Amino acid sequence: MKHRNLIRLAGLLLLFSVVVSAFHGSQTRIESAIDEAFKQAIEQDYQHRKSYLTRNMSDRLSFSTRDYALAPTFDRKISNYTIRTHTGITTYQFKDSVNEEVAKRLLNQHLLKDAHPLHPNQLKSYFQNQLKEKEIEGECGILYIRDNMYLWSEADSMVPRQAYSTPRRTLDIAGNQKVQAWSNYGWSTLFHHLDPVAFVFLLLIIIILMRVWVNTRKQEESASAEEAETNVRGIVIDMEKQELTIDGIPCAIAKLDLTLLQMLHERDGNCLTREEIKLQFWPTDENADEKIDTHIKTIRKTLKEFPEYQVITVRGKGYYLQATK
């Protein structure tokens, strides 16, 4: 029993570890997909607002700014950029050299901050669409930080505790605009994004554990049956009910024969003399010996179906009950 319990415990621990590993992997994939969806939503929003910049503001920008911000980019890296506007000259220094396309995006986001600012609700709409394409369901929201002012999509700053929040992303070259998103996906999304290999492995583990469980149950039932059978083996005599049971099987027997068998059984293998039998049943009967022989013969006939139990004659003395089990 102890060995079977250890097997069950080991199986449950294995199943638990596989389940935890599978769902952790699913969670990691989902959160990576959410980050990617947010990145794509930012890009979609940027392209939409940049078109406004090129259509409506090119004539209001300085020549140097227009020449940089709107001109085609090259595959090169820059470490700083100087922008000249009607308010003066500003040089932005990058911590590390960045690709010109990245720098242009940062600059344009800076120019768009006042000309055509980001709207959290619009960015949320793009984000929702991207999540839907990646089959991620649940509520979501956007936080837009502009000049240290916090703006929430749907004007709702309540973020569920269990929701996943993306890292904050800096949008503009001056570092005055940041965005962050959250997504509150549920168990259905976790199940949907389980790794197929992990899912198959999980099913195999469950099937194996079920088979082990069934086998151990069968072994326990078999052991219980054997134990029950062992418990009922032997001669059981109920004098009040006048019943005889041998190895769990009821046997028909007369009252006097049952009493005589009880006397033999109580001796536990020791000899019961003929004189003791006479004194018990026929103390003054001249035919007592014949009656003893007759009843011993009847008892032996009753025990015939159970060869493990025999009434043995001790010549010149009496009888004893022998049990070979």
C-alpha atoms as a PDB file:
ATOM      1  CA  MET A   1       0.000   0.000   0.000  1.00  0.00           C
ATOM      2  CA  LYS A   2       2.811   2.410   0.896  1.00  0.00           C
ATOM      3  CA  HIS A   3       4.568   1.636  -2.400  1.00  0.00           C
ATOM      4  CA  ARG A   4       1.391   2.356  -4.362  1.00  0.00           C
ATOM      5  CA  ASN A   5       0.865   5.652  -2.539  1.00  0.00           C
ATOM      6  CA  LEU A   6       4.422   6.708  -3.402  1.00  0.00           C
ATOM      7  CA  ILE A   7       3.767   5.895  -7.073  1.00  0.00           C
ATOM      8  CA  ARG A   8       0.593   7.971  -7.008  1.00  0.00           C
ATOM      9  CA  LEU A   9       2.352  10.881  -5.317  1.00  0.00           C
ATOM     10  CA  ALA A  10       5.211  10.776  -7.826  1.00  0.00           C
ATOM     11  CA  GLY A  11       2.698  10.686 -10.682  1.00  0.00           C
ATOM     12  CA  LEU A  12       0.768  13.646  -9.334  1.00  0.00           C
ATOM     13  CA  LEU A  13       3.981  15.634  -8.834  1.00  0.00           C
ATOM     14  CA  LEU A  14       5.032  14.838 -12.409  1.00  0.00           C
ATOM     15  CA  LEU A  15       1.622  15.876 -13.731  1.00  0.00           C
ATOM     16  CA  PHE A  16       1.739  19.085 -11.685  1.00  0.00           C
ATOM     17  CA  SER A  17       5.219  19.974 -12.967  1.00  0.00           C
ATOM     18  CA  VAL A  18       4.191  19.315 -16.593  1.00  0.00           C
ATOM     19  CA  VAL A  19       1.027  21.409 -16.203  1.00  0.00           C
ATOM     20  CA  VAL A  20       2.959  24.285 -14.599  1.00  0.00           C
ATOM     21  CA  SER A  21       5.646  24.122 -17.294  1.00  0.00           C
ATOM     22  CA  ALA A  22       3.076  23.985 -20.108  1.00  0.00           C
ATOM     23  CA  PHE A  23       1.068  26.937 -18.826  1.00  0.00           C
ATOM     24  CA  HIS A  24       4.216  28.939 -18.047  1.00  0.00           C
ATOM     25  CA  GLY A  25       5.332  28.427 -21.641  1.00  0.00           C
ATOM     26  CA  SER A  26       1.883  29.478 -22.875  1.00  0.00           C
ATOM     27  CA  GLN A  27       1.978  32.579 -20.671  1.00  0.00           C
ATOM     28  CA  THR A  28       5.426  33.518 -21.973  1.00  0.00           C
ATOM     29  CA  ARG A  29       4.273  33.173 -25.599  1.00  0.00           C
ATOM     30  CA  ILE A  30       1.130  35.223 -24.959  1.00  0.00           C
ATOM     31  CA  GLU A  31       2.992  38.051 -23.246  1.00  0.00           C
ATOM     32  CA  SER A  32       5.562  38.128 -26.035  1.00  0.00           C
ATOM     33  CA  ALA A  33       2.683  38.312 -28.536  1.00  0.00           C
ATOM     34  CA  ILE A  34       1.099  41.159 -26.535  1.00  0.00           C
ATOM     35  CA  ASP A  35       4.381  43.098 -26.647  1.00  0.00           C
ATOM     36  CA  GLU A  36       4.571  42.544 -30.390  1.00  0.00           C
ATOM     37  CA  ALA A  37       0.911  43.562 -30.849  1.00  0.00           C
ATOM     38  CA  PHE A  38       1.558  46.773 -28.922  1.00  0.00           C
ATOM     39  CA  LYS A  39       4.643  47.503 -31.009  1.00  0.00           C
ATOM     40  CA  GLN A  40       2.629  47.020 -34.201  1.00  0.00           C
ATOM     41  CA  ALA A  41      -0.204  49.191 -32.869  1.00  0.00           C
ATOM     42  CA  ILE A  42       2.262  52.020 -32.109  1.00  0.00           C
ATOM     43  CA  GLU A  43       3.666  51.725 -35.621  1.00  0.00           C
ATOM     44  CA  GLN A  44       0.177  51.760 -37.135  1.00  0.00           C
ATOM     45  CA  ASP A  45      -0.768  54.840 -35.124  1.00  0.00           C
ATOM     46  CA  TYR A  46       2.516  56.548 -36.040  1.00  0.00           C
ATOM     47  CA  GLN A  47       2.060  55.937 -39.762  1.00  0.00           C
ATOM     48  CA  HIS A  48      -1.464  57.296 -39.597  1.00  0.00           C
ATOM     49  CA  ARG A  49      -0.412  60.494 -37.816  1.00  0.00           C
ATOM     50  CA  LYS A  50       2.741  60.904 -39.932  1.00  0.00           C
ATOM     51  CA  SER A  51       0.592  61.089 -43.028  1.00  0.00           C
ATOM     52  CA  TYR A  52      -1.045  64.102 -41.417  1.00  0.00           C
ATOM     53  CA  LEU A  53       2.391  65.636 -40.896  1.00  0.00           C
ATOM     54  CA  THR A  54       3.388  65.190 -44.543  1.00  0.00           C
ATOM     55  CA  ARG A  55       0.033  66.395 -45.889  1.00  0.00           C
ATOM     56  CA  ASN A  56      -0.659  69.380 -43.658  1.00  0.00           C
ATOM     57  CA  MET A  57       2.542  70.564 -41.971  1.00  0.00           C
ATOM     58  CA  SER A  58       5.392  70.344 -44.442  1.00  0.00           C
ATOM     59  CA  ASP A  59       5.035  74.020 -45.344  1.00  0.00           C
ATOM     60  CA  ARG A  60       5.181  75.009 -41.660  1.00  0.00           C
ATOM     61  CA  LEU A  61       8.469  73.225 -40.930  1.00  0.00           C
ATOM     62  CA  SER A  62      11.926  74.766 -41.333  1.00  0.00           C
ATOM     63  CA  PHE A  63      13.838  73.736 -44.414  1.00  0.00           C
ATOM     64  CA  SER A  64      16.393  71.700 -42.456  1.00  0.00           C
ATOM     65  CA  THR A  65      13.695  69.926 -40.451  1.00  0.00           C
ATOM     66  CA  ARG A  66      11.617  69.193 -43.551  1.00  0.00           C
ATOM     67  CA  ASP A  67      14.680  67.999 -45.375  1.00  0.00           C
ATOM     68  CA  TYR A  68      15.458  65.505 -42.576  1.00  0.00           C
ATOM     69  CA  ALA A  69      12.082  64.455 -41.283  1.00  0.00           C
ATOM     70  CA  LEU A  70      10.346  63.956 -44.604  1.00  0.00           C
ATOM     71  CA  ALA A  71      13.208  62.959 -46.875  1.00  0.00           C
ATOM     72  CA  PRO A  72      14.043  59.315 -47.632  1.00  0.00           C
ATOM     73  CA  THR A  73      16.300  57.619 -45.104  1.00  0.00           C
ATOM     74  CA  PHE A  74      19.557  55.782 -45.642  1.00  0.00           C
ATOM     75  CA  ASP A  75      20.926  52.692 -44.048  1.00  0.00           C
ATOM     76  CA  ARG A  76      23.272  54.488 -41.708  1.00  0.00           C
ATOM     77  CA  LYS A  77      23.637  55.277 -38.042  1.00  0.00           C
ATOM     78  CA  ILE A  78      23.762  58.673 -36.393  1.00  0.00           C
ATOM     79  CA  SER A  79      24.788  59.744 -32.898  1.00  0.00           C
ATOM     80  CA  ASN A  80      23.042  63.145 -32.725  1.00  0.00           C
ATOM     81  CA  TYR A  81      20.693  65.362 -34.616  1.00  0.00           C
ATOM     82  CA  THR A  82      20.288  69.143 -34.641  1.00  0.00           C
ATOM     83  CA  ILE A  83      16.881  70.573 -35.385  1.00  0.00           C
ATOM     84  CA  ARG A  84      16.371  74.226 -36.352  1.00  0.00           C
ATOM     85  CA  THR A  85      12.959  75.835 -35.855  1.00  0.00           C
ATOM     86  CA  HIS A  86      11.663  79.361 -35.441  1.00  0.00           C
ATOM     87  CA  THR A  87      12.322  79.035 -31.702  1.00  0.00           C
ATOM     88  CA  GLY A  88      15.966  78.209 -32.114  1.00  0.00           C
ATOM     89  CA  ILE A  89      18.380  75.312 -32.539  1.00  0.00           C
ATOM     90  CA  THR A  90      18.194  72.135 -30.474  1.00  0.00           C
ATOM     91  CA  THR A  91      20.675  69.259 -30.617  1.00  0.00           C
ATOM     92  CA  TYR A  92      19.563  65.826 -29.487  1.00  0.00           C
ATOM     93  CA  GLN A  93      22.324  63.449 -28.482  1.00  0.00           C
ATOM     94  CA  PHE A  94      21.697  59.685 -28.585  1.00  0.00           C
ATOM     95  CA  LYS A  95      23.270  57.530 -25.942  1.00  0.00           C
ATOM     96  CA  ASP A  96      24.279  55.068 -28.650  1.00  0.00           C
ATOM     97  CA  SER A  97      24.304  55.523 -32.369  1.00  0.00           C
ATOM     98  CA  VAL A  98      20.902  54.668 -33.849  1.00  0.00           C
ATOM     99  CA  ASN A  99      19.644  53.819 -37.285  1.00  0.00           C
ATOM    100  CA  GLU A 100      18.512  56.842 -39.263  1.00  0.00           C
ATOM    101  CA  GLU A 101      15.008  55.393 -39.653  1.00  0.00           C
ATOM    102  CA  VAL A 102      14.683  55.071 -35.876  1.00  0.00           C
ATOM    103  CA  ALA A 103      15.933  58.607 -35.385  1.00  0.00           C
ATOM    104  CA  LYS A 104      13.467  59.928 -37.945  1.00  0.00           C
ATOM    105  CA  ARG A 105      10.584  58.197 -36.175  1.00  0.00           C
ATOM    106  CA  LEU A 106      11.644  59.728 -32.850  1.00  0.00           C
ATOM    107  CA  LEU A 107      11.856  63.157 -34.452  1.00  0.00           C
ATOM    108  CA  ASN A 108       8.487  62.886 -36.168  1.00  0.00           C
ATOM    109  CA  GLN A 109       6.817  61.765 -32.939  1.00  0.00           C
ATOM    110  CA  HIS A 110       8.281  64.898 -31.330  1.00  0.00           C
ATOM    111  CA  LEU A 111       6.910  67.104 -34.111  1.00  0.00           C
ATOM    112  CA  LEU A 112       3.526  65.399 -33.920  1.00  0.00           C
ATOM    113  CA  LYS A 113       3.145  65.862 -30.173  1.00  0.00           C
ATOM    114  CA  ASP A 114       1.574  69.280 -30.644  1.00  0.00           C
ATOM    115  CA  ALA A 115       0.580  69.145 -34.301  1.00  0.00           C
ATOM    116  CA  HIS A 116      -1.367  65.886 -34.158  1.00  0.00           C
ATOM    117  CA  PRO A 117      -0.958  64.230 -30.727  1.00  0.00           C
ATOM    118  CA  LEU A 118      -1.468  60.587 -29.970  1.00  0.00           C
ATOM    119  CA  HIS A 119      -4.933  59.726 -28.676  1.00  0.00           C
ATOM    120  CA  PRO A 120      -5.101  56.788 -26.216  1.00  0.00           C
ATOM    121  CA  ASN A 121      -8.489  55.614 -27.500  1.00  0.00           C
ATOM    122  CA  GLN A 122      -7.231  55.426 -31.085  1.00  0.00           C
ATOM    123  CA  LEU A 123      -4.100  53.556 -30.042  1.00  0.00           C
ATOM    124  CA  LYS A 124      -6.274  51.172 -28.024  1.00  0.00           C
ATOM    125  CA  SER A 125      -8.366  50.457 -31.117  1.00  0.00           C
ATOM    126  CA  TYR A 126      -5.238  49.537 -33.091  1.00  0.00           C
ATOM    127  CA  PHE A 127      -4.004  47.448 -30.139  1.00  0.00           C
ATOM    128  CA  GLN A 128      -7.299  45.551 -29.893  1.00  0.00           C
ATOM    129  CA  ASN A 129      -7.170  44.699 -33.585  1.00  0.00           C
ATOM    130  CA  GLN A 130      -3.615  43.416 -33.287  1.00  0.00           C
ATOM    131  CA  LEU A 131      -4.545  41.290 -30.250  1.00  0.00           C
ATOM    132  CA  LYS A 132      -7.509  39.872 -32.138  1.00  0.00           C
ATOM    133  CA  GLU A 133      -5.264  38.860 -35.034  1.00  0.00           C
ATOM    134  CA  LYS A 134      -3.040  37.034 -32.547  1.00  0.00           C
ATOM    135  CA  GLU A 135      -6.094  35.313 -31.005  1.00  0.00           C
ATOM    136  CA  ILE A 136      -5.704  36.984 -27.622  1.00  0.00           C
ATOM    137  CA  GLU A 137      -9.045  37.727 -25.975  1.00  0.00           C
ATOM    138  CA  GLY A 138      -9.878  39.919 -23.007  1.00  0.00           C
ATOM    139  CA  GLU A 139      -9.947  43.542 -21.897  1.00  0.00           C
ATOM    140  CA  CYS A 140      -7.089  45.913 -22.673  1.00  0.00           C
ATOM    141  CA  GLY A 141      -6.127  49.527 -22.164  1.00  0.00           C
ATOM    142  CA  ILE A 142      -3.548  52.226 -22.950  1.00  0.00           C
ATOM    143  CA  LEU A 143      -1.617  54.687 -20.796  1.00  0.00           C
ATOM    144  CA  TYR A 144      -0.190  57.756 -22.587  1.00  0.00           C
ATOM    145  CA  ILE A 145       2.261  59.922 -20.634  1.00  0.00           C
ATOM    146  CA  ARG A 146       2.790  63.359 -22.161  1.00  0.00           C
ATOM    147  CA  ASP A 147       4.969  65.890 -20.383  1.00  0.00           C
ATOM    148  CA  ASN A 148       4.406  63.977 -17.121  1.00  0.00           C
ATOM    149  CA  MET A 149       0.624  64.100 -17.614  1.00  0.00           C
ATOM    150  CA  TYR A 150      -1.119  60.701 -17.505  1.00  0.00           C
ATOM    151  CA  LEU A 151      -3.873  60.044 -20.040  1.00  0.00           C
ATOM    152  CA  TRP A 152      -5.791  56.750 -20.057  1.00  0.00           C
ATOM    153  CA  SER A 153      -7.857  55.192 -22.803  1.00  0.00           C
ATOM    154  CA  GLU A 154     -11.574  55.445 -22.057  1.00  0.00           C
ATOM    155  CA  ALA A 155     -10.468  57.715 -19.158  1.00  0.00           C
ATOM    156  CA  ASP A 156     -10.166  54.560 -17.072  1.00  0.00           C
ATOM    157  CA  SER A 157      -7.060  54.237 -14.916  1.00  0.00           C
ATOM    158  CA  MET A 158      -8.153  50.964 -13.260  1.00  0.00           C
ATOM    159  CA  VAL A 159      -5.902  48.098 -14.361  1.00  0.00           C
ATOM    160  CA  PRO A 160      -6.893  44.580 -13.201  1.00  0.00           C
ATOM    161  CA  ARG A 161      -4.323  43.096 -10.820  1.00  0.00           C
ATOM    162  CA  GLN A 162      -3.944  39.956 -12.929  1.00  0.00           C
ATOM    163  CA  ALA A 163      -3.490  41.869 -16.190  1.00  0.00           C
ATOM    164  CA  TYR A 164      -0.184  41.837 -18.060  1.00  0.00           C
ATOM    165  CA  SER A 165       1.386  45.275 -18.553  1.00  0.00           C
ATOM    166  CA  THR A 166       3.899  45.894 -21.321  1.00  0.00           C
ATOM    167  CA  PRO A 167       7.146  47.801 -20.727  1.00  0.00           C
ATOM    168  CA  ARG A 168       6.808  51.552 -21.219  1.00  0.00           C
ATOM    169  CA  ARG A 169       8.027  52.729 -24.600  1.00  0.00           C
ATOM    170  CA  THR A 170       9.499  56.171 -25.243  1.00  0.00           C
ATOM    171  CA  LEU A 171       8.087  57.634 -28.442  1.00  0.00           C
ATOM    172  CA  ASP A 172       9.877  60.876 -29.171  1.00  0.00           C
ATOM    173  CA  ILE A 173      13.370  62.212 -29.480  1.00  0.00           C
ATOM    174  CA  ALA A 174      12.963  64.496 -26.437  1.00  0.00           C
ATOM    175  CA  GLY A 175      11.711  61.670 -24.207  1.00  0.00           C
ATOM    176  CA  ASN A 176       8.546  63.590 -23.288  1.00  0.00           C
ATOM    177  CA  GLN A 177       6.097  60.965 -24.576  1.00  0.00           C
ATOM    178  CA  LYS A 178       5.741  57.412 -23.261  1.00  0.00           C
ATOM    179  CA  VAL A 179       3.116  54.741 -23.805  1.00  0.00           C
ATOM    180  CA  GLN A 180       2.224  51.528 -22.042  1.00  0.00           C
ATOM    181  CA  ALA A 181      -0.488  48.912 -22.617  1.00  0.00           C
ATOM    182  CA  TRP A 182      -2.154  46.225 -20.542  1.00  0.00           C
ATOM    183  CA  SER A 183      -4.105  43.113 -21.498  1.00  0.00           C
ATOM    184  CA  ASN A 184      -6.251  40.991 -19.209  1.00  0.00           C
ATOM    185  CA  TYR A 185      -6.421  37.642 -21.010  1.00  0.00           C
ATOM    186  CA  GLY A 186      -8.137  34.606 -19.508  1.00  0.00           C
ATOM    187  CA  TRP A 187      -7.757  30.827 -19.149  1.00  0.00           C
ATOM    188  CA  SER A 188      -9.256  30.196 -22.568  1.00  0.00           C
ATOM    189  CA  THR A 189      -6.385  32.154 -24.145  1.00  0.00           C
ATOM    190  CA  LEU A 190      -3.854  30.209 -22.056  1.00  0.00           C
ATOM    191  CA  PHE A 191      -5.323  26.909 -23.257  1.00  0.00           C
ATOM    192  CA  HIS A 192      -5.455  28.124 -26.852  1.00  0.00           C
ATOM    193  CA  HIS A 193      -1.763  29.050 -26.855  1.00  0.00           C
ATOM    194  CA  LEU A 194      -0.473  25.840 -25.275  1.00  0.00           C
ATOM    195  CA  ASP A 195       2.467  24.359 -27.132  1.00  0.00           C
ATOM    196  CA  PRO A 196       1.099  21.392 -29.167  1.00  0.00           C
ATOM    197  CA  VAL A 197       4.057  19.241 -28.086  1.00  0.00           C
ATOM    198  CA  ALA A 198       3.477  20.105 -24.422  1.00  0.00           C
ATOM    199  CA  PHE A 199      -0.248  19.495 -24.884  1.00  0.00           C
ATOM    200  CA  VAL A 200       0.347  16.022 -26.365  1.00  0.00           C
ATOM    201  CA  PHE A 201       2.890  15.238 -23.639  1.00  0.00           C
ATOM    202  CA  LEU A 202       0.377  16.375 -21.022  1.00  0.00           C
ATOM    203  CA  LEU A 203      -2.280  14.082 -22.492  1.00  0.00           C
ATOM    204  CA  LEU A 204       0.165  11.152 -22.485  1.00  0.00           C
ATOM    205  CA  ILE A 205       1.029  11.793 -18.843  1.00  0.00           C
ATOM    206  CA  ILE A 206      -2.673  11.893 -17.944  1.00  0.00           C
ATOM    207  CA  ILE A 207      -3.348   8.646 -19.842  1.00  0.00           C
ATOM    208  CA  ILE A 208      -0.391   6.909 -18.192  1.00  0.00           C
ATOM    209  CA  LEU A 209      -1.433   8.107 -14.747  1.00  0.00           C
ATOM    210  CA  MET A 210      -4.991   6.942 -15.371  1.00  0.00           C
ATOM    211  CA  ARG A 211      -3.744   3.493 -16.363  1.00  0.00           C
ATOM    212  CA  VAL A 212      -1.468   3.334 -13.337  1.00  0.00           C
ATOM    213  CA  TRP A 213      -4.364   4.467 -11.153  1.00  0.00           C
ATOM    214  CA  VAL A 214      -6.668   1.786 -12.597  1.00  0.00           C
ATOM    215  CA  ASN A 215      -4.004  -0.901 -12.189  1.00  0.00           C
ATOM    216  CA  THR A 216      -3.278   0.059  -8.588  1.00  0.00           C
ATOM    217  CA  ARG A 217      -7.002   0.116  -7.867  1.00  0.00           C
ATOM    218  CA  LYS A 218      -7.319  -3.382  -9.298  1.00  0.00           C
ATOM    219  CA  GLN A 219      -4.362  -4.532  -7.226  1.00  0.00           C
ATOM    220  CA  GLU A 220      -5.877  -2.990  -4.111  1.00  0.00           C
ATOM    221  CA  GLU A 221      -9.224  -4.606  -4.805  1.00  0.00           C
ATOM    222  CA  SER A 222      -7.526  -7.933  -5.424  1.00  0.00           C
ATOM    223  CA  ALA A 223      -5.520  -7.577  -2.223  1.00  0.00           C
ATOM    224  CA  SER A 224      -8.676  -6.613  -0.341  1.00  0.00           C
ATOM    225  CA  ALA A 225     -10.480  -9.623  -1.743  1.00  0.00           C
ATOM    226  CA  GLU A 226      -7.607 -11.894  -0.747  1.00  0.00           C
ATOM    227  CA  GLU A 227      -7.522 -10.328   2.699  1.00  0.00           C
ATOM    228  CA  ALA A 228     -11.268 -10.742   3.048  1.00  0.00           C
ATOM    229  CA  GLU A 229     -10.975 -14.341   1.922  1.00  0.00           C
ATOM    230  CA  THR A 230      -8.184 -14.889   4.444  1.00  0.00           C
ATOM    231  CA  ASN A 231     -10.263 -13.343   7.182  1.00  0.00           C
ATOM    232  CA  VAL A 232     -13.149 -15.765   6.628  1.00  0.00           C
ATOM    233  CA  ARG A 233     -11.003 -18.897   6.286  1.00  0.00           C
ATOM    234  CA  GLY A 234     -11.356 -21.458   9.036  1.00  0.00           C
ATOM    235  CA  ILE A 235     -14.180 -23.028  11.002  1.00  0.00           C
ATOM    236  CA  VAL A 236     -16.656 -20.568  12.501  1.00  0.00           C
ATOM    237  CA  ILE A 237     -19.318 -21.933  14.855  1.00  0.00           C
ATOM    238  CA  ASP A 238     -22.220 -19.861  16.162  1.00  0.00           C
ATOM    239  CA  MET A 239     -23.964 -21.920  18.833  1.00  0.00           C
ATOM    240  CA  GLU A 240     -26.671 -19.312  19.442  1.00  0.00           C
ATOM    241  CA  LYS A 241     -27.760 -19.369  15.809  1.00  0.00           C
ATOM    242  CA  GLN A 242     -26.811 -23.037  15.394  1.00  0.00           C
ATOM    243  CA  GLU A 243     -24.739 -22.177  12.302  1.00  0.00           C
ATOM    244  CA  LEU A 244     -21.517 -23.637  10.904  1.00  0.00           C
ATOM    245  CA  THR A 245     -19.342 -21.761   8.393  1.00  0.00           C
ATOM    246  CA  ILE A 246     -16.175 -23.285   6.899  1.00  0.00           C
ATOM    247  CA  ASP A 247     -13.902 -20.988   4.858  1.00  0.00           C
ATOM    248  CA  GLY A 248     -16.831 -18.601   4.461  1.00  0.00           C
ATOM    249  CA  ILE A 249     -19.205 -21.320   3.206  1.00  0.00           C
ATOM    250  CA  PRO A 250     -22.330 -22.122   5.291  1.00  0.00           C
ATOM    251  CA  CYS A 251     -22.687 -25.854   6.056  1.00  0.00           C
ATOM    252  CA  ALA A 252     -25.800 -27.728   7.201  1.00  0.00           C
ATOM    253  CA  ILE A 253     -25.270 -29.758  10.367  1.00  0.00           C
ATOM    254  CA  ALA A 254     -27.408 -31.200  13.179  1.00  0.00           C
ATOM    255  CA  LYS A 255     -27.400 -29.558  16.595  1.00  0.00           C
ATOM    256  CA  LEU A 256     -25.627 -32.440  18.418  1.00  0.00           C
ATOM    257  CA  ASP A 257     -23.026 -32.788  15.677  1.00  0.00           C
ATOM    258  CA  LEU A 258     -22.397 -29.031  15.826  1.00  0.00           C
ATOM    259  CA  THR A 259     -21.904 -29.216  19.585  1.00  0.00           C
ATOM    260  CA  LEU A 260     -19.464 -32.126  19.231  1.00  0.00           C
ATOM    261  CA  LEU A 261     -17.561 -30.293  16.502  1.00  0.00           C
ATOM    262  CA  GLN A 262     -17.430 -27.233  18.758  1.00  0.00           C
ATOM    263  CA  MET A 263     -15.805 -29.355  21.498  1.00  0.00           C
ATOM    264  CA  LEU A 264     -13.192 -30.637  19.028  1.00  0.00           C
ATOM    265  CA  HIS A 265     -12.598 -27.124  17.704  1.00  0.00           C
ATOM    266  CA  GLU A 266     -12.093 -25.680  21.170  1.00  0.00           C
ATOM    267  CA  ARG A 267      -9.329 -28.217  21.906  1.00  0.00           C
ATOM    268  CA  ASP A 268      -7.230 -26.513  19.200  1.00  0.00           C
ATOM    269  CA  GLY A 269      -5.638 -29.741  17.979  1.00  0.00           C
ATOM    270  CA  ASN A 270      -5.529 -31.495  21.325  1.00  0.00           C
ATOM    271  CA  CYS A 271      -7.253 -34.829  21.900  1.00  0.00           C
ATOM    272  CA  LEU A 272     -10.896 -35.030  23.037  1.00  0.00           C
ATOM    273  CA  THR A 273     -11.361 -38.390  24.736  1.00  0.00           C
ATOM    274  CA  ARG A 274     -14.308 -40.703  24.189  1.00  0.00           C
ATOM    275  CA  GLU A 275     -15.011 -40.579  27.944  1.00  0.00           C
ATOM    276  CA  GLU A 276     -15.408 -36.799  27.771  1.00  0.00           C
ATOM    277  CA  ILE A 277     -17.835 -37.185  24.880  1.00  0.00           C
ATOM    278  CA  LYS A 278     -19.848 -39.811  26.797  1.00  0.00           C
ATOM    279  CA  LEU A 279     -20.061 -37.603  29.878  1.00  0.00           C
ATOM    280  CA  GLN A 280     -21.241 -34.684  27.748  1.00  0.00           C
ATOM    281  CA  PHE A 281     -23.929 -36.488  25.764  1.00  0.00           C
ATOM    282  CA  TRP A 282     -24.655 -40.047  26.990  1.00  0.00           C
ATOM    283  CA  PRO A 283     -23.312 -40.551  30.505  1.00  0.00           C
ATOM    284  CA  THR A 284     -25.630 -43.555  31.258  1.00  0.00           C
ATOM    285  CA  ASP A 285     -26.312 -44.884  27.773  1.00  0.00           C
ATOM    286  CA  GLU A 286     -24.951 -48.403  27.146  1.00  0.00           C
ATOM    287  CA  ASN A 287     -24.841 -47.682  23.420  1.00  0.00           C
ATOM    288  CA  ALA A 288     -22.798 -44.527  23.821  1.00  0.00           C
ATOM    289  CA  ASP A 289     -19.763 -45.901  21.918  1.00  0.00           C
ATOM    290  CA  GLU A 290     -21.879 -46.692  18.863  1.00  0.00           C
ATOM    291  CA  LYS A 291     -23.441 -43.253  18.984  1.00  0.00           C
ATOM    292  CA  ILE A 292     -20.041 -41.615  19.245  1.00  0.00           C
ATOM    293  CA  ASP A 293     -18.868 -43.506  16.161  1.00  0.00           C
ATOM    294  CA  THR A 294     -22.010 -42.509  14.266  1.00  0.00           C
ATOM    295  CA  HIS A 295     -21.699 -38.803  15.034  1.00  0.00           C
ATOM    296  CA  ILE A 296     -17.945 -38.711  14.339  1.00  0.00           C
ATOM    297  CA  LYS A 297     -18.726 -40.322  10.979  1.00  0.00           C
ATOM    298  CA  THR A 298     -21.366 -37.621  10.289  1.00  0.00           C
ATOM    299  CA  ILE A 299     -18.922 -34.834  11.173  1.00  0.00           C
ATOM    300  CA  ARG A 300     -16.302 -36.339   8.862  1.00  0.00           C
ATOM    301  CA  LYS A 301     -18.895 -36.440   6.095  1.00  0.00           C
ATOM    302  CA  THR A 302     -19.606 -32.727   6.672  1.00  0.00           C
ATOM    303  CA  LEU A 303     -15.872 -31.965   6.463  1.00  0.00           C
ATOM    304  CA  LYS A 304     -15.389 -34.080   3.323  1.00  0.00           C
ATOM    305  CA  GLU A 305     -15.666 -31.009   1.055  1.00  0.00           C
ATOM    306  CA  PHE A 306     -12.921 -29.323   3.092  1.00  0.00           C
ATOM    307  CA  PRO A 307      -9.914 -31.695   3.095  1.00  0.00           C
ATOM    308  CA  GLU A 308      -7.850 -29.162   5.041  1.00  0.00           C
ATOM    309  CA  TYR A 309      -9.928 -30.035   8.103  1.00  0.00           C
ATOM    310  CA  GLN A 310     -10.008 -33.638   9.364  1.00  0.00           C
ATOM    311  CA  VAL A 311     -11.087 -35.452  12.515  1.00  0.00           C
ATOM    312  CA  ILE A 312      -8.141 -37.687  13.417  1.00  0.00           C
ATOM    313  CA  THR A 313      -8.580 -40.808  15.562  1.00  0.00           C
ATOM    314  CA  VAL A 314      -6.185 -41.345  18.426  1.00  0.00           C
ATOM    315  CA  ARG A 315      -6.401 -45.112  18.838  1.00  0.00           C
ATOM    316  CA  GLY A 316      -7.603 -46.181  22.258  1.00  0.00           C
ATOM    317  CA  LYS A 317      -8.047 -42.598  23.401  1.00  0.00           C
ATOM    318  CA  GLY A 318     -10.263 -40.300  21.346  1.00  0.00           C
ATOM    319  CA  TYR A 319     -10.156 -37.672  18.556  1.00  0.00           C
ATOM    320  CA  TYR A 320      -8.697 -34.323  17.597  1.00  0.00           C
ATOM    321  CA  LEU A 321      -9.450 -31.782  14.849  1.00  0.00           C
ATOM    322  CA  GLN A 322      -6.565 -31.240  12.463  1.00  0.00           C
ATOM    323  CA  ALA A 323      -6.340 -28.090  10.349  1.00  0.00           C
ATOM    324  CA  THR A 324      -3.586 -28.129   7.685  1.00  0.00           C
ATOM    325  CA  LYS A 325      -3.939 -24.415   6.750  1.00  0.00           C
END
